[in-house]
């Protein structure tokens, strides 16, 4: 069993799929497509499982 702090993986996945919309006048919105973000997140978890040679994962997220 592998315990993973997934805050970093979630942030990395959201940032990798982030798109910016520039409305001019210093107004910029950053957004991510959830489906694409989830694909990246799952791919990253698969990479971790493969590298660590472990099939069972327990994912932990921080709370405020």
C-alpha atoms as a PDB file:
ATOM      1  CA  UNK A   1       0.000   0.000   0.000  1.00  0.00           C
ATOM      2  CA  UNK A   2       1.355   3.394  -1.001  1.00  0.00           C
ATOM      3  CA  UNK A   3       0.250   6.575   0.798  1.00  0.00           C
ATOM      4  CA  UNK A   4       0.358   9.652  -1.439  1.00  0.00           C
ATOM      5  CA  UNK A   5      -0.030  13.337  -0.615  1.00  0.00           C
ATOM      6  CA  UNK A   6      -2.001  14.206  -3.736  1.00  0.00           C
ATOM      7  CA  UNK A   7      -2.178  17.980  -3.272  1.00  0.00           C
ATOM      8  CA  UNK A   8       0.900  18.351  -5.461  1.00  0.00           C
ATOM      9  CA  UNK A   9      -0.406  15.929  -8.104  1.00  0.00           C
ATOM     10  CA  UNK A  10      -3.746  17.752  -8.242  1.00  0.00           C
ATOM     11  CA  UNK A  11      -2.061  21.169  -8.505  1.00  0.00           C
ATOM     12  CA  UNK A  12       0.338  19.917 -11.184  1.00  0.00           C
ATOM     13  CA  UNK A  13      -2.552  18.440 -13.186  1.00  0.00           C
ATOM     14  CA  UNK A  14      -4.603  21.644 -13.012  1.00  0.00           C
ATOM     15  CA  UNK A  15      -1.619  23.773 -13.964  1.00  0.00           C
ATOM     16  CA  UNK A  16      -0.730  21.500 -16.911  1.00  0.00           C
ATOM     17  CA  UNK A  17      -4.196  21.921 -18.412  1.00  0.00           C
ATOM     18  CA  UNK A  18      -4.557  25.619 -17.605  1.00  0.00           C
ATOM     19  CA  UNK A  19      -5.579  28.028 -20.351  1.00  0.00           C
ATOM     20  CA  UNK A  20      -5.512  31.796 -20.080  1.00  0.00           C
ATOM     21  CA  UNK A  21      -8.034  34.195 -21.536  1.00  0.00           C
ATOM     22  CA  UNK A  22      -6.770  37.764 -21.860  1.00  0.00           C
ATOM     23  CA  UNK A  23      -9.514  40.382 -21.964  1.00  0.00           C
ATOM     24  CA  UNK A  24      -7.016  43.238 -22.135  1.00  0.00           C
ATOM     25  CA  UNK A  25      -6.583  46.031 -19.592  1.00  0.00           C
ATOM     26  CA  UNK A  26      -4.709  43.562 -17.328  1.00  0.00           C
ATOM     27  CA  UNK A  27      -7.768  41.303 -16.991  1.00  0.00           C
ATOM     28  CA  UNK A  28      -6.708  37.666 -17.385  1.00  0.00           C
ATOM     29  CA  UNK A  29      -8.683  34.577 -16.413  1.00  0.00           C
ATOM     30  CA  UNK A  30      -7.058  31.185 -15.945  1.00  0.00           C
ATOM     31  CA  UNK A  31      -9.218  28.095 -16.364  1.00  0.00           C
ATOM     32  CA  UNK A  32      -8.796  24.342 -16.734  1.00  0.00           C
ATOM     33  CA  UNK A  33     -10.980  21.768 -18.447  1.00  0.00           C
ATOM     34  CA  UNK A  34     -11.983  19.235 -15.768  1.00  0.00           C
ATOM     35  CA  UNK A  35     -11.972  16.212 -18.089  1.00  0.00           C
ATOM     36  CA  UNK A  36      -8.474  17.020 -19.350  1.00  0.00           C
ATOM     37  CA  UNK A  37      -7.294  17.710 -15.806  1.00  0.00           C
ATOM     38  CA  UNK A  38      -8.643  14.361 -14.614  1.00  0.00           C
ATOM     39  CA  UNK A  39      -6.852  12.555 -17.459  1.00  0.00           C
ATOM     40  CA  UNK A  40      -3.540  14.158 -16.470  1.00  0.00           C
ATOM     41  CA  UNK A  41      -4.180  13.393 -12.778  1.00  0.00           C
ATOM     42  CA  UNK A  42      -4.870   9.713 -13.521  1.00  0.00           C
ATOM     43  CA  UNK A  43      -1.828   9.494 -15.793  1.00  0.00           C
ATOM     44  CA  UNK A  44       0.383  10.929 -13.029  1.00  0.00           C
ATOM     45  CA  UNK A  45      -0.977   8.417 -10.507  1.00  0.00           C
ATOM     46  CA  UNK A  46      -0.292   5.606 -12.993  1.00  0.00           C
ATOM     47  CA  UNK A  47       3.308   6.826 -13.365  1.00  0.00           C
ATOM     48  CA  UNK A  48       3.731   6.779  -9.584  1.00  0.00           C
ATOM     49  CA  UNK A  49       2.245   3.282  -9.303  1.00  0.00           C
ATOM     50  CA  UNK A  50       4.551   2.002 -12.043  1.00  0.00           C
ATOM     51  CA  UNK A  51       7.678   3.652 -10.628  1.00  0.00           C
ATOM     52  CA  UNK A  52       6.993   2.400  -7.100  1.00  0.00           C
ATOM     53  CA  UNK A  53       5.820  -1.048  -8.282  1.00  0.00           C
ATOM     54  CA  UNK A  54       2.684  -0.795  -6.148  1.00  0.00           C
ATOM     55  CA  UNK A  55      -0.920  -1.402  -7.172  1.00  0.00           C
ATOM     56  CA  UNK A  56      -2.762  -0.138  -4.110  1.00  0.00           C
ATOM     57  CA  UNK A  57      -2.810   3.594  -3.426  1.00  0.00           C
ATOM     58  CA  UNK A  58      -4.312   5.655  -0.615  1.00  0.00           C
ATOM     59  CA  UNK A  59      -4.695   9.290  -1.630  1.00  0.00           C
ATOM     60  CA  UNK A  60      -4.472  12.098   0.929  1.00  0.00           C
ATOM     61  CA  UNK A  61      -5.494  15.719   0.443  1.00  0.00           C
ATOM     62  CA  UNK A  62      -4.767  18.534   2.891  1.00  0.00           C
ATOM     63  CA  UNK A  63      -7.576  20.433   4.483  1.00  0.00           C
ATOM     64  CA  UNK A  64      -7.518  24.030   5.675  1.00  0.00           C
END
